[in-house]
N, C-alpha and C. Protein backbone atom coordinates (compact mmCIF):
# COMPACT_ATOMS: atom_id res chain seq x y z
N MET A 1 -4.06 14.10 -11.65
CA MET A 1 -2.71 14.34 -11.08
C MET A 1 -1.83 13.20 -11.63
N LEU A 2 -2.25 11.95 -11.69
CA LEU A 2 -1.43 10.89 -12.09
C LEU A 2 -1.09 11.04 -13.60
N LEU A 3 -2.04 11.53 -14.32
CA LEU A 3 -1.79 11.67 -15.80
C LEU A 3 -0.96 12.79 -16.01
N LEU A 4 -0.94 13.82 -15.19
CA LEU A 4 0.01 14.80 -15.34
C LEU A 4 1.66 14.33 -15.16
N GLN A 5 1.75 13.49 -14.15
CA GLN A 5 2.98 13.01 -13.76
C GLN A 5 3.54 11.99 -14.96
N TYR A 6 2.74 11.31 -15.49
CA TYR A 6 2.91 10.34 -16.58
C TYR A 6 3.41 11.20 -17.85
N LEU A 7 2.73 12.27 -18.18
CA LEU A 7 3.03 13.26 -19.25
C LEU A 7 4.36 13.88 -19.10
N VAL A 8 4.52 14.52 -17.91
CA VAL A 8 5.87 15.07 -17.70
C VAL A 8 6.93 14.07 -17.81
N THR A 9 6.86 12.88 -17.22
CA THR A 9 7.84 11.82 -17.40
C THR A 9 8.15 11.51 -18.78
N LEU A 10 7.04 11.38 -19.69
CA LEU A 10 7.22 11.04 -21.14
C LEU A 10 7.96 12.18 -21.87
N VAL A 11 7.62 13.38 -21.51
CA VAL A 11 8.35 14.53 -22.13
C VAL A 11 9.87 14.55 -21.90
N LEU A 12 10.21 14.15 -20.52
CA LEU A 12 11.53 14.33 -20.15
C LEU A 12 12.34 13.09 -20.95
N TYR A 13 11.67 11.97 -21.07
CA TYR A 13 12.26 10.75 -21.62
C TYR A 13 12.50 11.06 -23.00
N LEU A 14 11.37 11.60 -23.75
CA LEU A 14 11.57 11.98 -25.14
C LEU A 14 12.65 13.04 -25.49
N CYS A 15 12.93 13.82 -24.25
CA CYS A 15 14.00 14.82 -24.70
C CYS A 15 15.43 14.11 -24.41
N ILE A 16 15.58 13.08 -23.62
CA ILE A 16 16.81 12.46 -23.32
C ILE A 16 17.07 11.31 -24.45
N ALA A 17 16.03 10.75 -24.90
CA ALA A 17 16.06 9.49 -25.69
C ALA A 17 16.98 9.73 -26.93
N PRO A 18 16.92 10.79 -27.58
CA PRO A 18 17.93 10.80 -28.88
C PRO A 18 19.26 10.84 -28.62
N PHE A 19 19.61 11.07 -27.35
CA PHE A 19 21.22 11.25 -27.05
C PHE A 19 21.59 9.88 -26.24
N GLN A 20 20.77 9.06 -26.08
CA GLN A 20 21.11 7.72 -25.38
C GLN A 20 21.06 6.52 -26.46
N PRO A 21 21.92 5.50 -26.34
CA PRO A 21 21.78 4.43 -27.32
C PRO A 21 20.68 3.57 -26.64
N PHE A 22 19.93 3.00 -27.74
CA PHE A 22 18.72 2.17 -27.24
C PHE A 22 18.87 0.74 -27.94
N HIS A 23 18.87 -0.34 -27.16
CA HIS A 23 18.82 -1.70 -27.86
C HIS A 23 18.15 -2.71 -26.92
N PHE A 24 17.37 -3.53 -27.50
CA PHE A 24 16.82 -4.61 -26.73
C PHE A 24 16.66 -5.76 -27.72
N GLU A 25 16.49 -6.96 -27.13
CA GLU A 25 16.07 -8.20 -27.93
C GLU A 25 14.85 -8.57 -27.57
N THR A 26 13.90 -8.71 -28.48
CA THR A 26 12.78 -9.39 -28.17
C THR A 26 12.70 -10.93 -27.90
N SER A 27 12.35 -11.22 -26.68
CA SER A 27 12.35 -12.57 -26.28
C SER A 27 11.32 -12.78 -25.24
N VAL A 28 10.96 -14.17 -24.78
CA VAL A 28 10.15 -14.31 -23.88
C VAL A 28 10.56 -13.85 -22.42
N ALA A 29 12.03 -13.95 -22.21
CA ALA A 29 12.59 -13.47 -21.00
C ALA A 29 12.43 -11.86 -20.91
N PHE A 30 12.19 -11.24 -22.02
CA PHE A 30 12.00 -9.75 -21.94
C PHE A 30 10.51 -9.50 -21.81
N LEU A 31 9.66 -10.19 -22.75
CA LEU A 31 8.27 -9.86 -22.71
C LEU A 31 7.42 -10.36 -21.36
N ILE A 32 7.91 -11.18 -20.73
CA ILE A 32 6.99 -11.63 -19.62
C ILE A 32 7.18 -10.58 -18.34
N PRO A 33 8.40 -10.18 -18.14
CA PRO A 33 8.55 -9.08 -17.08
C PRO A 33 7.98 -7.77 -17.52
N LEU A 34 8.13 -7.54 -18.85
CA LEU A 34 7.49 -6.30 -19.39
C LEU A 34 5.87 -6.27 -19.17
N LEU A 35 5.19 -7.45 -19.55
CA LEU A 35 3.69 -7.47 -19.25
C LEU A 35 3.54 -7.37 -17.91
N TYR A 36 4.30 -8.13 -16.88
CA TYR A 36 4.01 -8.13 -15.53
C TYR A 36 4.06 -6.69 -14.95
N LEU A 37 5.25 -5.86 -15.32
CA LEU A 37 5.41 -4.76 -14.77
C LEU A 37 4.42 -3.75 -15.30
N GLY A 38 4.01 -3.81 -16.49
CA GLY A 38 3.08 -2.88 -17.22
C GLY A 38 1.68 -3.06 -16.75
N LEU A 39 1.26 -4.41 -16.72
CA LEU A 39 -0.15 -4.77 -16.27
C LEU A 39 -0.32 -4.78 -14.94
N VAL A 40 0.32 -5.75 -14.10
CA VAL A 40 0.20 -5.99 -12.75
C VAL A 40 0.54 -4.85 -11.86
N ILE A 41 1.89 -4.47 -11.96
CA ILE A 41 2.38 -3.54 -11.07
C ILE A 41 1.74 -2.04 -11.43
N SER A 42 1.76 -1.70 -12.57
CA SER A 42 1.24 -0.33 -12.95
C SER A 42 -0.27 -0.24 -12.84
N VAL A 43 -0.97 -1.01 -13.70
CA VAL A 43 -2.54 -0.85 -13.75
C VAL A 43 -3.03 -1.54 -12.48
N GLY A 44 -2.73 -2.71 -12.25
CA GLY A 44 -3.42 -3.44 -11.08
C GLY A 44 -3.12 -2.64 -9.90
N ALA A 45 -1.90 -2.42 -9.45
CA ALA A 45 -1.80 -1.58 -8.25
C ALA A 45 -2.44 -0.18 -8.19
N GLN A 46 -2.44 0.54 -9.36
CA GLN A 46 -3.23 1.71 -9.28
C GLN A 46 -4.66 1.41 -8.99
N LEU A 47 -5.23 0.44 -9.63
CA LEU A 47 -6.72 0.21 -9.48
C LEU A 47 -7.04 -0.19 -8.12
N LEU A 48 -6.18 -0.96 -7.44
CA LEU A 48 -6.23 -1.38 -6.11
C LEU A 48 -6.23 -0.20 -5.13
N LEU A 49 -5.22 0.70 -5.35
CA LEU A 49 -4.97 1.97 -4.56
C LEU A 49 -6.32 2.73 -4.71
N TYR A 50 -6.85 2.85 -5.83
CA TYR A 50 -8.00 3.74 -6.03
C TYR A 50 -9.29 3.07 -5.36
N ARG A 51 -9.23 1.69 -5.38
CA ARG A 51 -10.38 1.00 -4.67
C ARG A 51 -10.37 1.18 -3.18
N LEU A 52 -8.97 1.17 -2.63
CA LEU A 52 -8.84 1.38 -1.14
C LEU A 52 -9.17 2.88 -0.69
N ILE A 53 -8.76 3.72 -1.67
CA ILE A 53 -9.07 5.13 -1.22
C ILE A 53 -10.54 5.35 -1.23
N ARG A 54 -11.19 4.76 -2.46
CA ARG A 54 -12.75 4.89 -2.55
C ARG A 54 -13.43 4.45 -1.37
N GLY A 55 -12.83 3.29 -0.68
CA GLY A 55 -13.47 2.75 0.53
C GLY A 55 -13.42 3.61 1.75
N GLY A 56 -12.72 4.78 1.59
CA GLY A 56 -12.58 5.75 2.79
C GLY A 56 -11.69 5.34 3.86
N ASN A 57 -10.73 4.43 3.76
CA ASN A 57 -9.96 3.88 4.72
C ASN A 57 -8.58 4.36 4.40
N LEU A 58 -8.30 5.68 4.49
CA LEU A 58 -7.02 6.30 4.22
C LEU A 58 -5.89 5.95 5.11
N VAL A 59 -6.21 5.79 6.35
CA VAL A 59 -5.21 5.36 7.41
C VAL A 59 -4.55 4.01 7.01
N ASN A 60 -5.32 2.98 6.72
CA ASN A 60 -4.81 1.75 6.34
C ASN A 60 -4.21 1.74 4.89
N VAL A 61 -4.70 2.52 4.04
CA VAL A 61 -4.14 2.67 2.73
C VAL A 61 -2.65 3.15 2.83
N THR A 62 -2.42 4.24 3.56
CA THR A 62 -1.19 4.89 3.74
C THR A 62 -0.22 3.94 4.43
N SER A 63 -0.71 3.14 5.42
CA SER A 63 0.00 2.12 6.09
C SER A 63 0.61 1.12 5.13
N LEU A 64 -0.12 0.77 4.18
CA LEU A 64 0.25 -0.35 3.25
C LEU A 64 1.51 0.09 2.42
N PHE A 65 1.70 1.40 2.29
CA PHE A 65 2.83 1.87 1.51
C PHE A 65 4.19 1.51 2.25
N TYR A 66 4.18 1.45 3.56
CA TYR A 66 5.24 0.98 4.37
C TYR A 66 5.68 -0.46 4.13
N LEU A 67 4.84 -1.23 3.78
CA LEU A 67 5.11 -2.72 3.56
C LEU A 67 5.56 -3.09 2.23
N VAL A 68 5.61 -2.09 1.16
CA VAL A 68 6.17 -2.35 0.03
C VAL A 68 7.64 -2.88 -0.11
N PRO A 69 8.50 -2.14 0.65
CA PRO A 69 9.86 -2.72 0.85
C PRO A 69 10.01 -4.08 1.32
N VAL A 70 9.19 -4.35 2.41
CA VAL A 70 9.09 -5.63 3.08
C VAL A 70 8.55 -6.73 2.20
N VAL A 71 7.63 -6.51 1.40
CA VAL A 71 7.00 -7.48 0.23
C VAL A 71 8.17 -7.64 -0.65
N THR A 72 8.75 -6.64 -1.03
CA THR A 72 9.77 -6.71 -2.24
C THR A 72 10.93 -7.66 -1.70
N VAL A 73 11.39 -7.43 -0.44
CA VAL A 73 12.53 -8.29 0.01
C VAL A 73 12.07 -9.76 0.04
N ILE A 74 10.81 -10.03 0.51
CA ILE A 74 10.32 -11.40 0.61
C ILE A 74 10.24 -12.12 -0.79
N LEU A 75 9.68 -11.18 -1.65
CA LEU A 75 9.61 -11.87 -3.01
C LEU A 75 11.05 -11.99 -3.66
N ASP A 76 12.10 -11.11 -3.40
CA ASP A 76 13.36 -11.26 -3.87
C ASP A 76 13.76 -12.54 -3.46
N TYR A 77 13.63 -12.75 -1.98
CA TYR A 77 14.26 -13.97 -1.41
C TYR A 77 13.70 -15.27 -2.15
N LEU A 78 12.19 -15.37 -2.01
CA LEU A 78 11.60 -16.40 -2.55
C LEU A 78 11.82 -16.77 -4.10
N ILE A 79 11.84 -15.78 -4.85
CA ILE A 79 11.98 -15.92 -6.32
C ILE A 79 13.26 -15.97 -6.81
N LEU A 80 14.13 -15.03 -6.48
CA LEU A 80 15.64 -15.16 -6.93
C LEU A 80 16.67 -15.53 -5.92
N GLY A 81 16.28 -15.81 -4.68
CA GLY A 81 17.23 -16.41 -3.82
C GLY A 81 18.21 -15.43 -3.03
N ASN A 82 17.88 -14.06 -3.34
CA ASN A 82 18.74 -13.14 -2.69
C ASN A 82 18.58 -12.98 -1.25
N ALA A 83 19.51 -13.27 -0.47
CA ALA A 83 19.34 -13.11 1.03
C ALA A 83 19.74 -11.60 1.50
N MET A 84 18.94 -11.17 2.54
CA MET A 84 19.18 -9.66 2.90
C MET A 84 20.24 -9.72 4.10
N PRO A 85 21.01 -8.74 4.28
CA PRO A 85 21.85 -8.64 5.50
C PRO A 85 21.08 -8.46 6.68
N LEU A 86 21.58 -8.80 7.85
CA LEU A 86 20.88 -8.73 9.08
C LEU A 86 20.38 -7.37 9.36
N LEU A 87 21.20 -6.34 9.07
CA LEU A 87 20.80 -4.95 9.34
C LEU A 87 19.58 -4.37 8.46
N ALA A 88 19.58 -4.91 7.19
CA ALA A 88 18.35 -4.67 6.34
C ALA A 88 17.11 -5.26 6.87
N LEU A 89 17.40 -6.58 7.32
CA LEU A 89 16.17 -7.39 7.88
C LEU A 89 15.58 -6.64 9.17
N GLY A 90 16.39 -5.97 9.96
CA GLY A 90 16.11 -5.22 11.04
C GLY A 90 15.34 -4.00 10.65
N GLY A 91 15.67 -3.37 9.66
CA GLY A 91 14.89 -2.28 9.03
C GLY A 91 13.54 -2.64 8.58
N ASP A 92 13.54 -3.89 8.01
CA ASP A 92 12.04 -4.47 7.52
C ASP A 92 11.20 -4.73 8.87
N GLY A 93 11.85 -5.24 9.83
CA GLY A 93 11.14 -5.43 11.07
C GLY A 93 10.63 -4.24 11.71
N ARG A 94 11.37 -2.90 11.44
CA ARG A 94 10.86 -1.75 11.99
C ARG A 94 9.66 -1.33 11.24
N HIS A 95 9.66 -1.52 9.84
CA HIS A 95 8.54 -1.27 9.00
C HIS A 95 7.20 -1.91 9.54
N CYS A 96 7.37 -3.31 9.68
CA CYS A 96 6.33 -4.04 10.16
C CYS A 96 5.78 -3.57 11.51
N GLY A 97 6.87 -3.15 12.48
CA GLY A 97 6.39 -2.66 13.69
C GLY A 97 5.68 -1.31 13.59
N TRP A 98 5.90 -0.55 12.74
CA TRP A 98 5.05 0.75 12.45
C TRP A 98 3.70 0.38 11.91
N VAL A 99 3.64 -0.53 11.11
CA VAL A 99 2.30 -0.80 10.58
C VAL A 99 1.41 -1.53 11.37
N ALA A 100 1.90 -2.55 12.21
CA ALA A 100 1.14 -3.45 13.02
C ALA A 100 0.20 -2.64 13.95
N PRO A 101 0.51 -1.58 14.73
CA PRO A 101 -0.36 -1.02 15.64
C PRO A 101 -1.77 -0.53 14.75
N GLY A 102 -1.72 -0.06 13.60
CA GLY A 102 -2.74 0.40 12.86
C GLY A 102 -3.62 -0.60 12.08
N VAL A 103 -3.28 -1.87 12.34
CA VAL A 103 -4.14 -3.05 11.78
C VAL A 103 -5.23 -3.32 12.51
N PRO A 104 -6.56 -3.31 11.89
CA PRO A 104 -7.74 -3.53 12.81
C PRO A 104 -7.71 -4.84 13.22
N LYS A 105 -8.13 -5.04 14.44
CA LYS A 105 -8.44 -6.34 15.16
C LYS A 105 -9.70 -6.52 15.71
N GLY A 106 -10.19 -7.77 15.55
CA GLY A 106 -11.50 -8.08 15.93
C GLY A 106 -12.58 -7.69 15.02
N ASP A 107 -13.92 -7.53 15.56
CA ASP A 107 -14.98 -7.05 14.78
C ASP A 107 -15.62 -5.82 15.20
N ASN A 108 -14.70 -4.89 15.65
CA ASN A 108 -15.06 -3.60 16.19
C ASN A 108 -15.70 -2.80 14.90
N PRO A 109 -16.95 -2.37 14.99
CA PRO A 109 -17.69 -1.81 13.86
C PRO A 109 -17.00 -0.41 13.65
N ASP A 110 -16.40 0.29 14.74
CA ASP A 110 -15.86 1.63 14.52
C ASP A 110 -14.39 1.58 13.87
N CYS A 111 -14.03 0.33 13.66
CA CYS A 111 -12.56 0.22 13.08
C CYS A 111 -12.68 -0.28 11.48
N PRO A 112 -12.52 0.71 10.61
CA PRO A 112 -12.72 0.36 9.29
C PRO A 112 -11.69 -0.57 8.80
N ARG A 113 -12.10 -1.53 7.88
CA ARG A 113 -11.28 -2.55 7.32
C ARG A 113 -10.80 -2.10 6.00
N ILE A 114 -9.64 -2.82 5.53
CA ILE A 114 -9.06 -2.42 4.26
C ILE A 114 -9.82 -2.59 3.08
N PHE A 115 -10.52 -3.86 3.05
CA PHE A 115 -11.16 -4.39 1.89
C PHE A 115 -12.76 -4.28 1.98
N SER A 116 -13.20 -3.30 2.82
CA SER A 116 -14.64 -3.27 3.12
C SER A 116 -15.39 -2.63 2.12
N GLY A 117 -14.76 -2.00 1.07
CA GLY A 117 -15.63 -1.19 -0.02
C GLY A 117 -16.17 0.01 0.66
N THR A 118 -17.42 0.36 0.32
CA THR A 118 -17.99 1.72 0.75
C THR A 118 -18.85 1.40 2.08
N ALA A 119 -18.84 0.31 2.60
CA ALA A 119 -19.72 0.03 3.75
C ALA A 119 -19.26 0.91 5.00
N ASP A 120 -18.13 1.22 5.12
CA ASP A 120 -17.55 1.97 6.06
C ASP A 120 -18.28 3.55 5.98
N MET A 121 -18.13 3.99 4.74
CA MET A 121 -18.63 5.38 4.50
C MET A 121 -20.12 5.57 4.71
N ARG A 122 -20.90 4.34 4.39
CA ARG A 122 -22.30 4.50 4.45
C ARG A 122 -22.69 4.35 6.00
N ARG A 123 -21.89 3.74 6.82
CA ARG A 123 -22.12 3.69 8.29
C ARG A 123 -21.78 4.93 8.93
N GLY A 124 -21.06 5.86 8.21
CA GLY A 124 -20.57 7.16 8.73
C GLY A 124 -19.39 7.06 9.63
N VAL A 125 -18.60 6.06 9.49
CA VAL A 125 -17.36 5.99 10.29
C VAL A 125 -16.30 7.09 9.90
N ARG A 126 -15.92 7.78 10.95
CA ARG A 126 -14.78 8.87 10.72
C ARG A 126 -13.49 8.20 11.09
N ILE A 127 -12.56 8.58 10.39
CA ILE A 127 -11.24 8.14 10.54
C ILE A 127 -10.43 9.18 11.15
N ARG A 128 -9.92 8.94 12.35
CA ARG A 128 -9.10 10.09 13.09
C ARG A 128 -7.82 9.92 12.78
N SER A 129 -6.97 11.08 12.75
CA SER A 129 -5.67 11.03 12.64
C SER A 129 -4.87 11.37 13.71
């Protein structure tokens, strides 16, 4: 499915590209973010997602998607110094409030962990929705 999404996007870009101007300057300031976005964000995040899904812990995997905007805001502040308005920070607090009840606590064997690999599937733990 992911390959199909990439192919459809590529076809659409190739249809639009001849009608748009395209210019960039090759520099370190261009290459470092390009490599980071291409390798870490695209490849690394996809591999982590597949590892989490293979671990059978789908509830926690989907909960992590709600934290993407929060982590982005934190990195934006720490790296670029961009402060968020108070209303936006309230929205991020809401995201954390939604995710927090689903985070496993303690050493409960019936509560699957995010990075536990296939151990939860071997024990026969079922995830209830």
